[in-house]
Amino acid sequence: MRVWVAALLVAVLSGCAASVPAPTTTPAVAAATATAAPTVAATATAAPSPAPAASPTANPLAVPAIPAPVAVSLDPKTTALGVFDVTNPTCAGRPECAASVPKIAALLQKARDAGVLILYSSTSSTGTFPPEIAPKPTETTLQPLAGIADLFLRTSTATSLDQVLKDKKVTTLVMVGTRSNGVVMYTAFGAVARGYTVAVAVDGISGSVPFENNLTMWQLLNQPGFTNADNKPLAEKLVTLTRGDLVTFK
């Protein structure tokens, strides 16, 4: 009897142990496990490279380089010297023009000594010339018509600049005058367009401001169709920039 009771107790206890569920994870722990953010590998992002510095741009308003004046040797028989519009009171009222007068006077003396044809022009029939450069009684003063810068267009038929030069068989015109970006520049253009060779003595030209001379000198050498950009001395039917002390007559 005792054996049977013992066996029955063992069987009951074994069944109870088998029916007990296995322990489970608590809800709090499960939630924490389920919501844990996955680890993402950090991706290194390179900082953008700075843009390269802009290359320096030339100042579009800068005056281009102008070649230095060159020496010229001229045949007095085929050369004329034009002293254009250097009159008072216009010249006396502008320091640059007044400063050019001694340079013009020195060039005039050389030309007269060599027997060169001397021509003058004035913007007015009543204009007077500074005494240092006043025309001699035997020298020609072109009579003006209207306020036109090109003397080939400004002079009357009776005193046409082109006709005077042709009558004297002149092929080279040396010029000084004021204003540089007026009578000097446009008369030089008119001369080369008609087949003359031109030399401009830059120490004998003037404007109302220094920039006018720079503009004129560059433009004289770079006129489209008549370019002498390197300032080759006495390039035929073009303009050369010279200086009074660099001019000789032989």
Protein backbone atom coordinates (compact mmCIF):
# COMPACT_ATOMS: atom_id res chain seq x y z
CA MET A 1 0.00 0.00 0.00
CA ARG A 2 2.75 2.48 0.91
CA VAL A 3 4.56 1.69 -2.34
CA TRP A 4 1.51 2.50 -4.41
CA VAL A 5 0.90 5.82 -2.64
CA ALA A 6 4.52 6.87 -3.14
CA ALA A 7 4.36 6.09 -6.82
CA LEU A 8 1.18 8.12 -7.17
CA LEU A 9 2.79 11.18 -5.53
CA VAL A 10 5.79 10.98 -7.81
CA ALA A 11 3.51 10.89 -10.85
CA VAL A 12 1.44 13.89 -9.73
CA LEU A 13 4.50 15.99 -8.95
CA SER A 14 6.08 15.18 -12.32
CA GLY A 15 2.96 16.30 -14.18
CA CYS A 16 2.80 19.59 -12.36
CA ALA A 17 6.42 20.35 -13.21
CA ALA A 18 5.81 19.64 -16.89
CA SER A 19 2.79 22.00 -17.08
CA VAL A 20 4.58 25.14 -15.69
CA PRO A 21 5.28 27.56 -18.64
CA ALA A 22 8.79 28.73 -19.38
CA PRO A 23 9.59 32.19 -18.10
CA THR A 24 9.05 34.97 -20.67
CA THR A 25 10.70 38.38 -21.19
CA THR A 26 8.90 41.14 -19.40
CA PRO A 27 6.97 43.57 -21.65
CA ALA A 28 9.23 46.48 -20.73
CA VAL A 29 12.36 44.57 -21.76
CA ALA A 30 10.72 43.32 -24.96
CA ALA A 31 9.64 46.79 -25.94
CA ALA A 32 13.10 48.15 -25.37
CA THR A 33 14.59 45.37 -27.45
CA ALA A 34 12.07 45.78 -30.28
CA THR A 35 12.48 49.59 -30.59
CA ALA A 36 16.25 49.81 -30.31
CA ALA A 37 17.44 51.91 -33.33
CA PRO A 38 19.71 50.01 -35.65
CA THR A 39 23.24 51.28 -35.75
CA VAL A 40 23.93 53.20 -39.02
CA ALA A 41 27.46 53.51 -40.20
CA ALA A 42 28.39 57.21 -40.38
CA THR A 43 29.13 58.33 -43.89
CA ALA A 44 31.83 60.98 -44.07
CA THR A 45 30.80 63.92 -46.30
CA ALA A 46 33.66 65.93 -47.77
CA ALA A 47 33.38 69.68 -47.30
CA PRO A 48 32.91 71.47 -50.65
CA SER A 49 36.15 72.79 -52.12
CA PRO A 50 36.35 76.55 -52.29
CA ALA A 51 35.81 77.99 -55.76
CA PRO A 52 39.06 78.96 -57.45
CA ALA A 53 39.84 82.64 -57.22
CA ALA A 54 38.86 84.56 -60.31
CA SER A 55 41.81 85.43 -62.48
CA PRO A 56 42.64 89.14 -62.56
CA THR A 57 40.83 90.95 -65.35
CA ALA A 58 42.51 93.79 -67.14
CA ASN A 59 40.90 97.14 -66.51
CA PRO A 60 38.78 97.72 -69.62
CA LEU A 61 39.22 101.47 -69.18
CA ALA A 62 43.00 101.38 -68.94
CA VAL A 63 44.88 103.19 -71.69
CA PRO A 64 46.85 100.71 -73.84
CA ALA A 65 50.60 101.10 -74.05
CA ILE A 66 51.68 103.70 -76.60
CA PRO A 67 55.06 103.32 -78.33
CA ALA A 68 57.67 105.97 -77.61
CA PRO A 69 58.22 108.75 -80.16
CA VAL A 70 60.82 107.92 -82.79
CA ALA A 71 63.37 109.96 -84.70
CA VAL A 72 62.52 110.99 -88.26
CA SER A 73 64.70 112.50 -90.97
CA LEU A 74 62.76 114.47 -93.57
CA ASP A 75 63.39 115.93 -97.00
CA PRO A 76 62.69 119.67 -96.69
CA LYS A 77 61.65 119.85 -100.33
CA THR A 78 58.75 117.42 -99.91
CA THR A 79 57.76 118.23 -96.32
CA ALA A 80 55.39 120.76 -94.82
CA LEU A 81 55.03 121.72 -91.16
CA GLY A 82 51.49 122.49 -90.02
CA VAL A 83 50.89 124.58 -86.90
CA PHE A 84 47.19 124.11 -86.42
CA ASP A 85 44.82 126.21 -84.26
CA VAL A 86 47.41 127.24 -81.67
CA THR A 87 45.86 130.65 -81.09
CA ASN A 88 44.97 132.96 -78.23
CA PRO A 89 42.92 133.28 -76.12
CA THR A 90 42.23 129.53 -76.44
CA CYS A 91 45.83 128.40 -75.96
CA ALA A 92 46.66 130.91 -73.22
CA GLY A 93 43.72 129.60 -71.17
CA ARG A 94 44.94 125.99 -71.19
CA PRO A 95 48.20 125.18 -69.38
CA GLU A 96 49.02 122.19 -71.61
CA CYS A 97 48.75 124.29 -74.74
CA ALA A 98 50.84 127.10 -73.25
CA ALA A 99 53.50 124.55 -72.26
CA SER A 100 53.68 123.25 -75.84
CA VAL A 101 54.46 126.67 -77.36
CA PRO A 102 58.27 126.62 -76.67
CA LYS A 103 58.47 123.12 -78.20
CA ILE A 104 56.61 124.30 -81.28
CA ALA A 105 58.85 127.38 -81.53
CA ALA A 106 62.01 125.21 -81.53
CA LEU A 107 60.60 122.94 -84.25
CA LEU A 108 59.51 125.96 -86.29
CA GLN A 109 63.01 127.38 -86.21
CA LYS A 110 64.52 124.14 -87.51
CA ALA A 111 61.94 123.94 -90.28
CA ARG A 112 62.44 127.58 -91.32
CA ASP A 113 66.20 127.16 -91.37
CA ALA A 114 65.75 124.19 -93.71
CA GLY A 115 63.35 126.04 -96.02
CA VAL A 116 60.35 123.82 -95.20
CA LEU A 117 56.86 124.96 -96.21
CA ILE A 118 55.10 126.32 -93.07
CA LEU A 119 51.30 126.29 -92.82
CA TYR A 120 49.04 127.70 -90.13
CA SER A 121 45.36 127.40 -89.34
CA SER A 122 43.05 129.21 -86.98
CA THR A 123 39.54 128.54 -85.75
CA SER A 124 38.74 132.22 -86.24
CA SER A 125 39.77 134.91 -88.71
CA THR A 126 40.42 137.17 -85.72
CA GLY A 127 42.48 134.64 -83.74
CA THR A 128 45.97 135.73 -82.78
CA PHE A 129 48.99 133.46 -82.43
CA PRO A 130 51.36 133.46 -79.45
CA PRO A 131 54.24 135.75 -80.45
CA GLU A 132 56.84 132.96 -80.15
CA ILE A 133 55.17 131.01 -82.96
CA ALA A 134 53.45 133.73 -84.99
CA PRO A 135 53.55 133.22 -88.78
CA LYS A 136 55.95 135.16 -90.96
CA PRO A 137 54.47 137.37 -93.71
CA THR A 138 55.53 134.83 -96.35
CA GLU A 139 53.91 131.86 -94.58
CA THR A 140 50.43 130.61 -95.43
CA THR A 141 47.54 130.78 -92.97
CA LEU A 142 44.59 128.64 -94.02
CA GLN A 143 41.31 130.49 -93.70
CA PRO A 144 38.68 128.60 -91.74
CA LEU A 145 35.15 127.91 -92.92
CA ALA A 146 33.31 126.35 -89.98
CA GLY A 147 34.04 124.43 -86.79
CA ILE A 148 35.14 121.23 -88.56
CA ALA A 149 38.13 119.43 -87.09
CA ASP A 150 39.51 118.02 -90.36
CA LEU A 151 41.36 120.85 -92.13
CA PHE A 152 40.98 119.07 -95.46
CA LEU A 153 37.25 119.72 -95.09
CA ARG A 154 37.41 123.00 -93.17
CA THR A 155 39.37 125.17 -95.58
CA SER A 156 37.88 127.00 -98.52
CA THR A 157 38.56 126.13 -102.14
CA ALA A 158 40.90 129.10 -102.46
CA THR A 159 43.09 127.89 -99.60
CA SER A 160 42.40 124.14 -99.74
CA LEU A 161 44.98 122.30 -97.65
CA ASP A 162 45.07 119.45 -100.11
CA GLN A 163 45.63 121.81 -103.05
CA VAL A 164 48.38 123.77 -101.27
CA LEU A 165 50.25 120.53 -100.53
CA LYS A 166 49.85 119.26 -104.07
CA ASP A 167 51.00 122.56 -105.58
CA LYS A 168 54.18 122.38 -103.51
CA LYS A 169 54.67 118.67 -104.25
CA VAL A 170 54.54 117.85 -100.55
CA THR A 171 54.29 114.17 -99.64
CA THR A 172 54.96 114.36 -95.88
CA LEU A 173 53.07 116.51 -93.40
CA VAL A 174 54.55 117.21 -89.97
CA MET A 175 51.91 118.39 -87.51
CA VAL A 176 51.53 120.16 -84.18
CA GLY A 177 48.38 121.75 -82.83
CA THR A 178 45.50 121.95 -80.43
CA ARG A 179 43.20 120.35 -79.62
CA SER A 180 44.85 117.00 -80.04
CA ASN A 181 41.62 115.02 -80.34
CA GLY A 182 40.23 117.63 -82.75
CA VAL A 183 42.26 119.27 -85.49
CA VAL A 184 45.34 117.07 -84.94
CA MET A 185 43.63 113.69 -85.00
CA TYR A 186 41.10 114.39 -87.75
CA THR A 187 43.47 116.27 -90.05
CA ALA A 188 45.97 113.41 -89.70
CA PHE A 189 43.21 110.97 -90.68
CA GLY A 190 42.31 113.19 -93.64
CA ALA A 191 45.95 113.31 -94.73
CA VAL A 192 46.62 109.57 -94.75
CA ALA A 193 43.28 108.95 -96.46
CA ARG A 194 44.56 111.20 -99.29
CA GLY A 195 47.89 109.42 -99.54
CA TYR A 196 50.16 111.65 -97.43
CA THR A 197 52.68 110.39 -94.90
CA VAL A 198 52.20 112.09 -91.52
CA ALA A 199 54.50 112.73 -88.56
CA VAL A 200 52.97 114.18 -85.39
CA ALA A 201 55.35 115.87 -82.94
CA VAL A 202 53.66 114.84 -79.70
CA ASP A 203 55.36 117.49 -77.56
CA GLY A 204 53.63 120.10 -79.72
CA ILE A 205 50.06 118.83 -79.31
CA SER A 206 47.68 119.49 -76.45
CA GLY A 207 44.14 118.98 -75.25
CA SER A 208 41.94 120.27 -72.49
CA VAL A 209 42.88 117.29 -70.25
CA PRO A 210 45.89 114.92 -70.45
CA PHE A 211 43.69 111.99 -71.50
CA GLU A 212 43.04 113.66 -74.85
CA ASN A 213 46.68 113.29 -75.84
CA ASN A 214 46.74 109.61 -74.84
CA LEU A 215 43.56 108.93 -76.76
CA THR A 216 44.88 110.79 -79.82
CA MET A 217 48.29 109.12 -79.88
CA TRP A 218 46.83 105.64 -79.59
CA GLN A 219 44.18 106.31 -82.21
CA LEU A 220 46.64 107.84 -84.68
CA LEU A 221 48.65 104.61 -84.67
CA ASN A 222 45.63 102.32 -84.68
CA GLN A 223 43.26 103.90 -87.16
CA PRO A 224 41.41 101.01 -88.89
CA GLY A 225 42.85 100.57 -92.36
CA PHE A 226 45.86 102.82 -91.61
CA THR A 227 47.54 101.05 -88.68
CA ASN A 228 51.13 101.68 -87.59
CA ALA A 229 50.80 100.10 -84.14
CA ASP A 230 54.57 99.63 -83.68
CA ASN A 231 55.24 103.28 -84.64
CA LYS A 232 57.57 102.41 -87.50
CA PRO A 233 59.38 105.63 -88.49
CA LEU A 234 57.81 107.31 -91.52
CA ALA A 235 55.70 104.32 -92.53
CA GLU A 236 54.39 105.35 -95.94
CA LYS A 237 50.89 106.87 -95.97
CA LEU A 238 50.53 106.24 -92.22
CA VAL A 239 51.07 108.26 -89.04
CA THR A 240 54.32 108.27 -87.06
CA LEU A 241 54.64 109.70 -83.55
CA THR A 242 57.80 111.75 -83.12
CA ARG A 243 59.01 114.68 -81.00
CA GLY A 244 60.33 118.08 -81.98
CA ASP A 245 63.88 117.35 -80.87
CA LEU A 246 63.82 114.07 -82.82
CA VAL A 247 62.96 115.76 -86.13
CA THR A 248 65.72 116.58 -88.59
CA PHE A 249 65.59 117.96 -92.12
CA LYS A 250 68.16 116.71 -94.62
